[in-house]
Amino acid sequence: MAELILPKGLKKEYGGLFVQNGYRASIEFDAILPGDLLTSRSRPSFYFVNGRGRDQIFGWHFSMVDRSSWGGWGIDGKDYSPRNFDRIAPTLVIPILEYYRHSLALHNLQEGLCKVI
């Protein structure tokens, strides 16, 4: 099997993908949109935003290392801090989801149940 060629901004570490500096930036709660992919600054996790309300965002979270650890996720605006999350560059969203291709999010993207804007 050929080695996966990663786009600039991604590196493979500990069996998962990590987003390099310059391809992630803090984001205010009101600027987060469905299709955004966030990453935690304190733990190796991704957060795919599937939807939002005025005061809440929700979607799926998954570990950068354990590809099988998918789950639902939501956070209220009052509990959100831009110091805890970074938004990943939009050009890296699909490559990251493709890398974790056995995930629920990619399946839902392929089935048209959600979309990246």
PDB file of N, CA and C in Angstrom:
ATOM      1  N   MET A   1       0.841  -1.177   0.000  1.00  0.00           N
ATOM      2  CA  MET A   1       0.000   0.000   0.000  1.00  0.00           C
ATOM      3  C   MET A   1       0.885   1.239   0.000  1.00  0.00           C
ATOM      4  N   ALA A   2       0.554   2.215  -0.821  1.00  0.00           N
ATOM      5  CA  ALA A   2       1.347   3.440  -0.922  1.00  0.00           C
ATOM      6  C   ALA A   2       1.201   4.274   0.344  1.00  0.00           C
ATOM      7  N   GLU A   3       2.263   4.974   0.674  1.00  0.00           N
ATOM      8  CA  GLU A   3       2.255   5.866   1.834  1.00  0.00           C
ATOM      9  C   GLU A   3       1.345   7.058   1.537  1.00  0.00           C
ATOM     10  N   LEU A   4       0.544   7.420   2.496  1.00  0.00           N
ATOM     11  CA  LEU A   4      -0.348   8.560   2.361  1.00  0.00           C
ATOM     12  C   LEU A   4       0.464   9.845   2.279  1.00  0.00           C
ATOM     13  N   ILE A   5       0.195  10.659   1.269  1.00  0.00           N
ATOM     14  CA  ILE A   5       0.860  11.950   1.134  1.00  0.00           C
ATOM     15  C   ILE A   5      -0.053  12.994   1.759  1.00  0.00           C
ATOM     16  N   LEU A   6       0.437  13.616   2.806  1.00  0.00           N
ATOM     17  CA  LEU A   6      -0.361  14.597   3.531  1.00  0.00           C
ATOM     18  C   LEU A   6      -0.170  15.991   2.949  1.00  0.00           C
ATOM     19  N   PRO A   7      -1.232  16.781   2.919  1.00  0.00           N
ATOM     20  CA  PRO A   7      -1.072  18.164   2.462  1.00  0.00           C
ATOM     21  C   PRO A   7      -0.275  18.980   3.469  1.00  0.00           C
ATOM     22  N   LYS A   8       0.285  20.072   2.997  1.00  0.00           N
ATOM     23  CA  LYS A   8       1.034  20.968   3.869  1.00  0.00           C
ATOM     24  C   LYS A   8       0.128  21.420   5.011  1.00  0.00           C
ATOM     25  N   GLY A   9       0.666  21.378   6.223  1.00  0.00           N
ATOM     26  CA  GLY A   9      -0.090  21.769   7.402  1.00  0.00           C
ATOM     27  C   GLY A   9      -0.461  20.609   8.295  1.00  0.00           C
ATOM     28  N   LEU A  10      -0.344  19.384   7.773  1.00  0.00           N
ATOM     29  CA  LEU A  10      -0.646  18.194   8.562  1.00  0.00           C
ATOM     30  C   LEU A  10       0.609  17.377   8.775  1.00  0.00           C
ATOM     31  N   LYS A  11       0.713  16.774   9.941  1.00  0.00           N
ATOM     32  CA  LYS A  11       1.797  15.827  10.183  1.00  0.00           C
ATOM     33  C   LYS A  11       1.222  14.630  10.918  1.00  0.00           C
ATOM     34  N   LYS A  12       1.837  13.501  10.671  1.00  0.00           N
ATOM     35  CA  LYS A  12       1.389  12.257  11.286  1.00  0.00           C
ATOM     36  C   LYS A  12       2.206  12.025  12.551  1.00  0.00           C
ATOM     37  N   GLU A  13       1.508  11.856  13.670  1.00  0.00           N
ATOM     38  CA  GLU A  13       2.158  11.595  14.950  1.00  0.00           C
ATOM     39  C   GLU A  13       1.318  10.627  15.752  1.00  0.00           C
ATOM     40  N   TYR A  14       1.958   9.697  16.400  1.00  0.00           N
ATOM     41  CA  TYR A  14       1.305   8.767  17.324  1.00  0.00           C
ATOM     42  C   TYR A  14       0.093   8.082  16.704  1.00  0.00           C
ATOM     43  N   GLY A  15       0.145   7.774  15.423  1.00  0.00           N
ATOM     44  CA  GLY A  15      -0.941   7.070  14.765  1.00  0.00           C
ATOM     45  C   GLY A  15      -2.087   7.947  14.306  1.00  0.00           C
ATOM     46  N   GLY A  16      -1.974   9.248  14.471  1.00  0.00           N
ATOM     47  CA  GLY A  16      -3.040  10.160  14.063  1.00  0.00           C
ATOM     48  C   GLY A  16      -2.482  11.368  13.347  1.00  0.00           C
ATOM     49  N   LEU A  17      -3.353  12.295  13.024  1.00  0.00           N
ATOM     50  CA  LEU A  17      -2.951  13.524  12.356  1.00  0.00           C
ATOM     51  C   LEU A  17      -2.953  14.682  13.338  1.00  0.00           C
ATOM     52  N   PHE A  18      -1.977  15.554  13.198  1.00  0.00           N
ATOM     53  CA  PHE A  18      -1.907  16.762  14.001  1.00  0.00           C
ATOM     54  C   PHE A  18      -1.747  17.957  13.069  1.00  0.00           C
ATOM     55  N   VAL A  19      -2.448  19.025  13.379  1.00  0.00           N
ATOM     56  CA  VAL A  19      -2.437  20.233  12.562  1.00  0.00           C
ATOM     57  C   VAL A  19      -1.330  21.151  13.056  1.00  0.00           C
ATOM     58  N   GLN A  20      -0.467  21.542  12.138  1.00  0.00           N
ATOM     59  CA  GLN A  20       0.666  22.387  12.495  1.00  0.00           C
ATOM     60  C   GLN A  20       0.232  23.837  12.698  1.00  0.00           C
ATOM     61  N   ASN A  21       1.041  24.571  13.451  1.00  0.00           N
ATOM     62  CA  ASN A  21       0.798  26.000  13.642  1.00  0.00           C
ATOM     63  C   ASN A  21       0.781  26.687  12.286  1.00  0.00           C
ATOM     64  N   GLY A  22      -0.016  27.702  12.160  1.00  0.00           N
ATOM     65  CA  GLY A  22      -0.187  28.393  10.891  1.00  0.00           C
ATOM     66  C   GLY A  22      -1.377  27.872  10.107  1.00  0.00           C
ATOM     67  N   TYR A  23      -1.893  26.709  10.482  1.00  0.00           N
ATOM     68  CA  TYR A  23      -3.054  26.113   9.830  1.00  0.00           C
ATOM     69  C   TYR A  23      -4.203  25.952  10.817  1.00  0.00           C
ATOM     70  N   ARG A  24      -4.089  26.651  11.929  1.00  0.00           N
ATOM     71  CA  ARG A  24      -5.109  26.646  12.970  1.00  0.00           C
ATOM     72  C   ARG A  24      -5.068  28.009  13.642  1.00  0.00           C
ATOM     73  N   ALA A  25      -6.214  28.477  14.052  1.00  0.00           N
ATOM     74  CA  ALA A  25      -6.279  29.793  14.693  1.00  0.00           C
ATOM     75  C   ALA A  25      -7.483  29.836  15.621  1.00  0.00           C
ATOM     76  N   SER A  26      -7.367  30.621  16.676  1.00  0.00           N
ATOM     77  CA  SER A  26      -8.493  30.759  17.591  1.00  0.00           C
ATOM     78  C   SER A  26      -9.667  31.394  16.847  1.00  0.00           C
ATOM     79  N   ILE A  27     -10.863  31.106  17.320  1.00  0.00           N
ATOM     80  CA  ILE A  27     -12.065  31.615  16.668  1.00  0.00           C
ATOM     81  C   ILE A  27     -13.092  31.947  17.742  1.00  0.00           C
ATOM     82  N   GLU A  28     -13.772  33.058  17.553  1.00  0.00           N
ATOM     83  CA  GLU A  28     -14.836  33.451  18.472  1.00  0.00           C
ATOM     84  C   GLU A  28     -16.069  32.587  18.219  1.00  0.00           C
ATOM     85  N   PHE A  29     -16.863  32.373  19.253  1.00  0.00           N
ATOM     86  CA  PHE A  29     -18.031  31.501  19.174  1.00  0.00           C
ATOM     87  C   PHE A  29     -18.972  31.899  18.038  1.00  0.00           C
ATOM     88  N   ASP A  30     -19.267  33.176  17.907  1.00  0.00           N
ATOM     89  CA  ASP A  30     -20.229  33.634  16.898  1.00  0.00           C
ATOM     90  C   ASP A  30     -19.750  33.425  15.466  1.00  0.00           C
ATOM     91  N   ALA A  31     -18.465  33.206  15.259  1.00  0.00           N
ATOM     92  CA  ALA A  31     -17.915  33.010  13.913  1.00  0.00           C
ATOM     93  C   ALA A  31     -17.887  31.543  13.491  1.00  0.00           C
ATOM     94  N   ILE A  32     -18.196  30.626  14.400  1.00  0.00           N
ATOM     95  CA  ILE A  32     -18.162  29.194  14.082  1.00  0.00           C
ATOM     96  C   ILE A  32     -19.381  28.834  13.241  1.00  0.00           C
ATOM     97  N   LEU A  33     -19.144  28.096  12.142  1.00  0.00           N
ATOM     98  CA  LEU A  33     -20.205  27.708  11.216  1.00  0.00           C
ATOM     99  C   LEU A  33     -20.237  26.198  11.024  1.00  0.00           C
ATOM    100  N   PRO A  34     -21.398  25.643  10.618  1.00  0.00           N
ATOM    101  CA  PRO A  34     -21.435  24.227  10.254  1.00  0.00           C
ATOM    102  C   PRO A  34     -20.405  23.946   9.158  1.00  0.00           C
ATOM    103  N   GLY A  35     -19.710  22.853   9.288  1.00  0.00           N
ATOM    104  CA  GLY A  35     -18.639  22.499   8.356  1.00  0.00           C
ATOM    105  C   GLY A  35     -17.269  22.844   8.884  1.00  0.00           C
ATOM    106  N   ASP A  36     -17.206  23.660   9.944  1.00  0.00           N
ATOM    107  CA  ASP A  36     -15.910  23.972  10.558  1.00  0.00           C
ATOM    108  C   ASP A  36     -15.388  22.757  11.309  1.00  0.00           C
ATOM    109  N   LEU A  37     -14.095  22.634  11.337  1.00  0.00           N
ATOM    110  CA  LEU A  37     -13.437  21.597  12.120  1.00  0.00           C
ATOM    111  C   LEU A  37     -12.575  22.309  13.145  1.00  0.00           C
ATOM    112  N   LEU A  38     -12.843  22.022  14.411  1.00  0.00           N
ATOM    113  CA  LEU A  38     -12.103  22.632  15.511  1.00  0.00           C
ATOM    114  C   LEU A  38     -11.180  21.597  16.114  1.00  0.00           C
ATOM    115  N   THR A  39     -10.175  22.056  16.803  1.00  0.00           N
ATOM    116  CA  THR A  39      -9.303  21.163  17.551  1.00  0.00           C
ATOM    117  C   THR A  39      -9.095  21.759  18.935  1.00  0.00           C
ATOM    118  N   SER A  40      -8.956  20.877  19.894  1.00  0.00           N
ATOM    119  CA  SER A  40      -8.748  21.301  21.274  1.00  0.00           C
ATOM    120  C   SER A  40      -7.278  21.602  21.499  1.00  0.00           C
ATOM    121  N   ARG A  41      -7.010  22.620  22.283  1.00  0.00           N
ATOM    122  CA  ARG A  41      -5.621  22.921  22.627  1.00  0.00           C
ATOM    123  C   ARG A  41      -5.127  22.045  23.770  1.00  0.00           C
ATOM    124  N   SER A  42      -6.046  21.453  24.535  1.00  0.00           N
ATOM    125  CA  SER A  42      -5.640  20.702  25.724  1.00  0.00           C
ATOM    126  C   SER A  42      -5.672  19.190  25.554  1.00  0.00           C
ATOM    127  N   ARG A  43      -6.341  18.681  24.526  1.00  0.00           N
ATOM    128  CA  ARG A  43      -6.392  17.232  24.318  1.00  0.00           C
ATOM    129  C   ARG A  43      -6.365  16.939  22.825  1.00  0.00           C
ATOM    130  N   PRO A  44      -5.908  15.775  22.448  1.00  0.00           N
ATOM    131  CA  PRO A  44      -5.799  15.452  21.017  1.00  0.00           C
ATOM    132  C   PRO A  44      -7.145  15.039  20.419  1.00  0.00           C
ATOM    133  N   SER A  45      -7.997  16.019  20.162  1.00  0.00           N
ATOM    134  CA  SER A  45      -9.325  15.744  19.625  1.00  0.00           C
ATOM    135  C   SER A  45      -9.698  16.740  18.541  1.00  0.00           C
ATOM    136  N   PHE A  46     -10.529  16.266  17.605  1.00  0.00           N
ATOM    137  CA  PHE A  46     -11.143  17.110  16.595  1.00  0.00           C
ATOM    138  C   PHE A  46     -12.623  17.242  16.922  1.00  0.00           C
ATOM    139  N   TYR A  47     -13.217  18.346  16.505  1.00  0.00           N
ATOM    140  CA  TYR A  47     -14.641  18.594  16.704  1.00  0.00           C
ATOM    141  C   TYR A  47     -15.214  19.098  15.387  1.00  0.00           C
ATOM    142  N   PHE A  48     -16.031  18.273  14.738  1.00  0.00           N
ATOM    143  CA  PHE A  48     -16.656  18.651  13.476  1.00  0.00           C
ATOM    144  C   PHE A  48     -18.002  19.291  13.793  1.00  0.00           C
ATOM    145  N   VAL A  49     -18.202  20.521  13.365  1.00  0.00           N
ATOM    146  CA  VAL A  49     -19.435  21.253  13.654  1.00  0.00           C
ATOM    147  C   VAL A  49     -20.465  20.920  12.578  1.00  0.00           C
ATOM    148  N   ASN A  50     -21.520  20.232  12.995  1.00  0.00           N
ATOM    149  CA  ASN A  50     -22.573  19.843  12.073  1.00  0.00           C
ATOM    150  C   ASN A  50     -23.704  20.865  12.049  1.00  0.00           C
ATOM    151  N   GLY A  51     -23.892  21.583  13.135  1.00  0.00           N
ATOM    152  CA  GLY A  51     -24.971  22.563  13.187  1.00  0.00           C
ATOM    153  C   GLY A  51     -24.761  23.549  14.320  1.00  0.00           C
ATOM    154  N   ARG A  52     -25.602  24.562  14.327  1.00  0.00           N
ATOM    155  CA  ARG A  52     -25.509  25.540  15.407  1.00  0.00           C
ATOM    156  C   ARG A  52     -26.849  26.220  15.582  1.00  0.00           C
ATOM    157  N   GLY A  53     -27.045  26.659  16.797  1.00  0.00           N
ATOM    158  CA  GLY A  53     -28.153  27.539  17.131  1.00  0.00           C
ATOM    159  C   GLY A  53     -27.553  28.871  17.536  1.00  0.00           C
ATOM    160  N   ARG A  54     -28.380  29.738  18.050  1.00  0.00           N
ATOM    161  CA  ARG A  54     -27.866  31.045  18.462  1.00  0.00           C
ATOM    162  C   ARG A  54     -26.845  30.920  19.579  1.00  0.00           C
ATOM    163  N   ASP A  55     -27.119  30.030  20.526  1.00  0.00           N
ATOM    164  CA  ASP A  55     -26.272  29.914  21.715  1.00  0.00           C
ATOM    165  C   ASP A  55     -25.593  28.558  21.861  1.00  0.00           C
ATOM    166  N   GLN A  56     -25.591  27.729  20.819  1.00  0.00           N
ATOM    167  CA  GLN A  56     -24.988  26.400  20.931  1.00  0.00           C
ATOM    168  C   GLN A  56     -24.456  25.944  19.577  1.00  0.00           C
ATOM    169  N   ILE A  57     -23.344  25.214  19.622  1.00  0.00           N
ATOM    170  CA  ILE A  57     -22.852  24.506  18.442  1.00  0.00           C
ATOM    171  C   ILE A  57     -22.864  23.026  18.780  1.00  0.00           C
ATOM    172  N   PHE A  58     -23.003  22.179  17.768  1.00  0.00           N
ATOM    173  CA  PHE A  58     -23.040  20.742  18.018  1.00  0.00           C
ATOM    174  C   PHE A  58     -22.521  19.992  16.801  1.00  0.00           C
ATOM    175  N   GLY A  59     -22.182  18.756  17.003  1.00  0.00           N
ATOM    176  CA  GLY A  59     -21.668  17.908  15.938  1.00  0.00           C
ATOM    177  C   GLY A  59     -21.047  16.661  16.514  1.00  0.00           C
ATOM    178  N   TRP A  60     -19.864  16.292  16.009  1.00  0.00           N
ATOM    179  CA  TRP A  60     -19.174  15.083  16.448  1.00  0.00           C
ATOM    180  C   TRP A  60     -17.779  15.430  16.930  1.00  0.00           C
ATOM    181  N   HIS A  61     -17.319  14.685  17.890  1.00  0.00           N
ATOM    182  CA  HIS A  61     -15.915  14.811  18.285  1.00  0.00           C
ATOM    183  C   HIS A  61     -15.261  13.460  18.071  1.00  0.00           C
ATOM    184  N   PHE A  62     -13.978  13.492  17.776  1.00  0.00           N
ATOM    185  CA  PHE A  62     -13.230  12.250  17.628  1.00  0.00           C
ATOM    186  C   PHE A  62     -11.782  12.501  17.974  1.00  0.00           C
ATOM    187  N   SER A  63     -11.154  11.446  18.448  1.00  0.00           N
ATOM    188  CA  SER A  63      -9.758  11.521  18.864  1.00  0.00           C
ATOM    189  C   SER A  63      -8.849  11.568  17.646  1.00  0.00           C
ATOM    190  N   MET A  64      -7.761  12.312  17.752  1.00  0.00           N
ATOM    191  CA  MET A  64      -6.770  12.360  16.685  1.00  0.00           C
ATOM    192  C   MET A  64      -6.014  11.044  16.567  1.00  0.00           C
ATOM    193  N   VAL A  65      -6.003  10.280  17.644  1.00  0.00           N
ATOM    194  CA  VAL A  65      -5.208   9.058  17.670  1.00  0.00           C
ATOM    195  C   VAL A  65      -6.080   7.825  17.491  1.00  0.00           C
ATOM    196  N   ASP A  66      -7.167   7.714  18.239  1.00  0.00           N
ATOM    197  CA  ASP A  66      -8.042   6.545  18.188  1.00  0.00           C
ATOM    198  C   ASP A  66      -9.162   6.805  17.188  1.00  0.00           C
ATOM    199  N   ARG A  67      -9.038   6.235  16.007  1.00  0.00           N
ATOM    200  CA  ARG A  67      -9.999   6.510  14.939  1.00  0.00           C
ATOM    201  C   ARG A  67     -11.406   6.021  15.250  1.00  0.00           C
ATOM    202  N   SER A  68     -11.563   5.145  16.225  1.00  0.00           N
ATOM    203  CA  SER A  68     -12.878   4.580  16.499  1.00  0.00           C
ATOM    204  C   SER A  68     -13.655   5.368  17.548  1.00  0.00           C
ATOM    205  N   SER A  69     -13.065   6.394  18.114  1.00  0.00           N
ATOM    206  CA  SER A  69     -13.702   7.072  19.245  1.00  0.00           C
ATOM    207  C   SER A  69     -14.541   8.269  18.811  1.00  0.00           C
ATOM    208  N   TRP A  70     -15.632   7.998  18.107  1.00  0.00           N
ATOM    209  CA  TRP A  70     -16.547   9.047  17.674  1.00  0.00           C
ATOM    210  C   TRP A  70     -17.659   9.204  18.680  1.00  0.00           C
ATOM    211  N   GLY A  71     -18.142  10.400  18.850  1.00  0.00           N
ATOM    212  CA  GLY A  71     -19.286  10.623  19.717  1.00  0.00           C
ATOM    213  C   GLY A  71     -19.923  11.963  19.422  1.00  0.00           C
ATOM    214  N   GLY A  72     -21.150  12.127  19.913  1.00  0.00           N
ATOM    215  CA  GLY A  72     -21.832  13.406  19.765  1.00  0.00           C
ATOM    216  C   GLY A  72     -21.171  14.450  20.648  1.00  0.00           C
ATOM    217  N   TRP A  73     -21.376  15.693  20.299  1.00  0.00           N
ATOM    218  CA  TRP A  73     -20.725  16.780  21.018  1.00  0.00           C
ATOM    219  C   TRP A  73     -21.551  18.044  20.875  1.00  0.00           C
ATOM    220  N   GLY A  74     -21.568  18.845  21.898  1.00  0.00           N
ATOM    221  CA  GLY A  74     -22.223  20.145  21.847  1.00  0.00           C
ATOM    222  C   GLY A  74     -21.638  21.037  22.923  1.00  0.00           C
ATOM    223  N   ILE A  75     -21.703  22.333  22.704  1.00  0.00           N
ATOM    224  CA  ILE A  75     -21.212  23.269  23.712  1.00  0.00           C
ATOM    225  C   ILE A  75     -22.039  24.553  23.628  1.00  0.00           C
ATOM    226  N   ASP A  76     -22.393  25.064  24.788  1.00  0.00           N
ATOM    227  CA  ASP A  76     -23.111  26.333  24.868  1.00  0.00           C
ATOM    228  C   ASP A  76     -22.126  27.482  24.719  1.00  0.00           C
ATOM    229  N   GLY A  77     -22.599  28.574  24.154  1.00  0.00           N
ATOM    230  CA  GLY A  77     -21.761  29.750  23.971  1.00  0.00           C
ATOM    231  C   GLY A  77     -21.170  30.269  25.264  1.00  0.00           C
ATOM    232  N   LYS A  78     -21.926  30.180  26.353  1.00  0.00           N
ATOM    233  CA  LYS A  78     -21.427  30.690  27.637  1.00  0.00           C
ATOM    234  C   LYS A  78     -20.276  29.843  28.176  1.00  0.00           C
ATOM    235  N   ASP A  79     -20.171  28.597  27.718  1.00  0.00           N
ATOM    236  CA  ASP A  79     -19.103  27.707  28.175  1.00  0.00           C
ATOM    237  C   ASP A  79     -17.915  27.665  27.218  1.00  0.00           C
ATOM    238  N   TYR A  80     -18.039  28.311  26.071  1.00  0.00           N
ATOM    239  CA  TYR A  80     -17.002  28.274  25.042  1.00  0.00           C
ATOM    240  C   TYR A  80     -15.947  29.338  25.316  1.00  0.00           C
ATOM    241  N   SER A  81     -14.694  28.971  25.111  1.00  0.00           N
ATOM    242  CA  SER A  81     -13.603  29.938  25.212  1.00  0.00           C
ATOM    243  C   SER A  81     -12.669  29.769  24.019  1.00  0.00           C
ATOM    244  N   PRO A  82     -12.376  30.856  23.282  1.00  0.00           N
ATOM    245  CA  PRO A  82     -11.450  30.735  22.157  1.00  0.00           C
ATOM    246  C   PRO A  82     -10.039  30.359  22.594  1.00  0.00           C
ATOM    247  N   ARG A  83      -9.769  30.411  23.895  1.00  0.00           N
ATOM    248  CA  ARG A  83      -8.460  29.971  24.398  1.00  0.00           C
ATOM    249  C   ARG A  83      -8.351  28.451  24.409  1.00  0.00           C
ATOM    250  N   ASN A  84      -9.483  27.750  24.307  1.00  0.00           N
ATOM    251  CA  ASN A  84      -9.479  26.291  24.383  1.00  0.00           C
ATOM    252  C   ASN A  84      -9.557  25.599  23.029  1.00  0.00           C
ATOM    253  N   PHE A  85      -9.992  26.317  21.991  1.00  0.00           N
ATOM    254  CA  PHE A  85     -10.209  25.696  20.689  1.00  0.00           C
ATOM    255  C   PHE A  85      -9.560  26.521  19.588  1.00  0.00           C
ATOM    256  N   ASP A  86      -9.127  25.829  18.540  1.00  0.00           N
ATOM    257  CA  ASP A  86      -8.654  26.468  17.318  1.00  0.00           C
ATOM    258  C   ASP A  86      -9.496  25.960  16.158  1.00  0.00           C
ATOM    259  N   ARG A  87      -9.752  26.828  15.192  1.00  0.00           N
ATOM    260  CA  ARG A  87     -10.403  26.429  13.948  1.00  0.00           C
ATOM    261  C   ARG A  87      -9.317  26.002  12.978  1.00  0.00           C
ATOM    262  N   ILE A  88      -9.528  24.873  12.339  1.00  0.00           N
ATOM    263  CA  ILE A  88      -8.570  24.331  11.377  1.00  0.00           C
ATOM    264  C   ILE A  88      -8.839  24.955  10.012  1.00  0.00           C
ATOM    265  N   ALA A  89      -7.781  25.226   9.278  1.00  0.00           N
ATOM    266  CA  ALA A  89      -7.913  25.813   7.942  1.00  0.00           C
ATOM    267  C   ALA A  89      -8.887  24.987   7.105  1.00  0.00           C
ATOM    268  N   PRO A  90      -9.837  25.641   6.422  1.00  0.00           N
ATOM    269  CA  PRO A  90     -10.836  24.916   5.634  1.00  0.00           C
ATOM    270  C   PRO A  90     -10.239  23.962   4.603  1.00  0.00           C
ATOM    271  N   THR A  91      -9.069  24.266   4.073  1.00  0.00           N
ATOM    272  CA  THR A  91      -8.446  23.387   3.076  1.00  0.00           C
ATOM    273  C   THR A  91      -8.020  22.048   3.656  1.00  0.00           C
ATOM    274  N   LEU A  92      -7.946  21.945   4.984  1.00  0.00           N
ATOM    275  CA  LEU A  92      -7.525  20.693   5.612  1.00  0.00           C
ATOM    276  C   LEU A  92      -8.694  19.847   6.115  1.00  0.00           C
ATOM    277  N   VAL A  93      -9.919  20.381   6.075  1.00  0.00           N
ATOM    278  CA  VAL A  93     -11.064  19.645   6.628  1.00  0.00           C
ATOM    279  C   VAL A  93     -11.268  18.316   5.905  1.00  0.00           C
ATOM    280  N   ILE A  94     -11.399  18.335   4.587  1.00  0.00           N
ATOM    281  CA  ILE A  94     -11.642  17.098   3.834  1.00  0.00           C
ATOM    282  C   ILE A  94     -10.465  16.131   3.951  1.00  0.00           C
ATOM    283  N   PRO A  95      -9.195  16.567   3.807  1.00  0.00           N
ATOM    284  CA  PRO A  95      -8.096  15.613   3.989  1.00  0.00           C
ATOM    285  C   PRO A  95      -8.101  14.941   5.369  1.00  0.00           C
ATOM    286  N   ILE A  96      -8.455  15.695   6.403  1.00  0.00           N
ATOM    287  CA  ILE A  96      -8.501  15.097   7.741  1.00  0.00           C
ATOM    288  C   ILE A  96      -9.632  14.084   7.820  1.00  0.00           C
ATOM    289  N   LEU A  97     -10.818  14.441   7.334  1.00  0.00           N
ATOM    290  CA  LEU A  97     -11.939  13.502   7.372  1.00  0.00           C
ATOM    291  C   LEU A  97     -11.668  12.273   6.513  1.00  0.00           C
ATOM    292  N   GLU A  98     -10.987  12.448   5.389  1.00  0.00           N
ATOM    293  CA  GLU A  98     -10.643  11.298   4.555  1.00  0.00           C
ATOM    294  C   GLU A  98      -9.647  10.383   5.258  1.00  0.00           C
ATOM    295  N   TYR A  99      -8.720  10.961   6.000  1.00  0.00           N
ATOM    296  CA  TYR A  99      -7.765  10.146   6.742  1.00  0.00           C
ATOM    297  C   TYR A  99      -8.499   9.268   7.753  1.00  0.00           C
ATOM    298  N   TYR A 100      -9.496   9.834   8.387  1.00  0.00           N
ATOM    299  CA  TYR A 100     -10.303   9.084   9.348  1.00  0.00           C
ATOM    300  C   TYR A 100     -11.549   8.535   8.645  1.00  0.00           C
ATOM    301  N   ARG A 101     -11.362   7.948   7.462  1.00  0.00           N
ATOM    302  CA  ARG A 101     -12.455   7.577   6.564  1.00  0.00           C
ATOM    303  C   ARG A 101     -13.433   6.556   7.118  1.00  0.00           C
ATOM    304  N   HIS A 102     -13.081   5.862   8.150  1.00  0.00           N
ATOM    305  CA  HIS A 102     -14.008   4.890   8.723  1.00  0.00           C
ATOM    306  C   HIS A 102     -14.911   5.534   9.766  1.00  0.00           C
ATOM    307  N   SER A 103     -14.896   6.829   9.812  1.00  0.00           N
ATOM    308  CA  SER A 103     -15.629   7.554  10.843  1.00  0.00           C
ATOM    309  C   SER A 103     -17.075   7.809  10.439  1.00  0.00           C
ATOM    310  N   LEU A 104     -17.887   8.107  11.419  1.00  0.00           N
ATOM    311  CA  LEU A 104     -19.283   8.448  11.189  1.00  0.00           C
ATOM    312  C   LEU A 104     -19.419   9.743  10.406  1.00  0.00           C
ATOM    313  N   ALA A 105     -18.577  10.727  10.660  1.00  0.00           N
ATOM    314  CA  ALA A 105     -18.706  12.017   9.975  1.00  0.00           C
ATOM    315  C   ALA A 105     -18.500  11.871   8.478  1.00  0.00           C
ATOM    316  N   LEU A 106     -17.480  11.145   8.057  1.00  0.00           N
ATOM    317  CA  LEU A 106     -17.248  11.001   6.627  1.00  0.00           C
ATOM    318  C   LEU A 106     -18.398  10.229   5.992  1.00  0.00           C
ATOM    319  N   HIS A 107     -18.896   9.207   6.681  1.00  0.00           N
ATOM    320  CA  HIS A 107     -20.046   8.463   6.173  1.00  0.00           C
ATOM    321  C   HIS A 107     -21.227   9.414   5.956  1.00  0.00           C
ATOM    322  N   ASN A 108     -21.490  10.269   6.946  1.00  0.00           N
ATOM    323  CA  ASN A 108     -22.600  11.215   6.831  1.00  0.00           C
ATOM    324  C   ASN A 108     -22.364  12.232   5.723  1.00  0.00           C
ATOM    325  N   LEU A 109     -21.114  12.644   5.525  1.00  0.00           N
ATOM    326  CA  LEU A 109     -20.803  13.539   4.409  1.00  0.00           C
ATOM    327  C   LEU A 109     -21.110  12.852   3.082  1.00  0.00           C
ATOM    328  N   GLN A 110     -20.701  11.595   2.957  1.00  0.00           N
ATOM    329  CA  GLN A 110     -20.910  10.861   1.721  1.00  0.00           C
ATOM    330  C   GLN A 110     -22.390  10.598   1.463  1.00  0.00           C
ATOM    331  N   GLU A 111     -23.166  10.400   2.528  1.00  0.00           N
ATOM    332  CA  GLU A 111     -24.591  10.125   2.388  1.00  0.00           C
ATOM    333  C   GLU A 111     -25.419  11.399   2.236  1.00  0.00           C
ATOM    334  N   GLY A 112     -24.779  12.558   2.340  1.00  0.00           N
ATOM    335  CA  GLY A 112     -25.493  13.817   2.196  1.00  0.00           C
ATOM    336  C   GLY A 112     -26.248  14.257   3.432  1.00  0.00           C
ATOM    337  N   LEU A 113     -25.946  13.639   4.573  1.00  0.00           N
ATOM    338  CA  LEU A 113     -26.626  14.002   5.810  1.00  0.00           C
ATOM    339  C   LEU A 113     -26.054  15.266   6.428  1.00  0.00           C
ATOM    340  N   CYS A 114     -24.866  15.664   5.997  1.00  0.00           N
ATOM    341  CA  CYS A 114     -24.276  16.929   6.406  1.00  0.00           C
ATOM    342  C   CYS A 114     -23.359  17.364   5.271  1.00  0.00           C
ATOM    343  N   LYS A 115     -22.896  18.587   5.316  1.00  0.00           N
ATOM    344  CA  LYS A 115     -22.025  19.066   4.249  1.00  0.00           C
ATOM    345  C   LYS A 115     -21.001  20.039   4.795  1.00  0.00           C
ATOM    346  N   VAL A 116     -19.896  20.139   4.091  1.00  0.00           N
ATOM    347  CA  VAL A 116     -18.864  21.119   4.402  1.00  0.00           C
ATOM    348  C   VAL A 116     -19.115  22.315   3.507  1.00  0.00           C
ATOM    349  N   ILE A 117     -19.215  23.476   4.118  1.00  0.00           N
ATOM    350  CA  ILE A 117     -19.518  24.692   3.359  1.00  0.00           C
ATOM    351  C   ILE A 117     -18.222  25.374   2.953  1.00  0.00           C
TER     352      ILE A 117
END
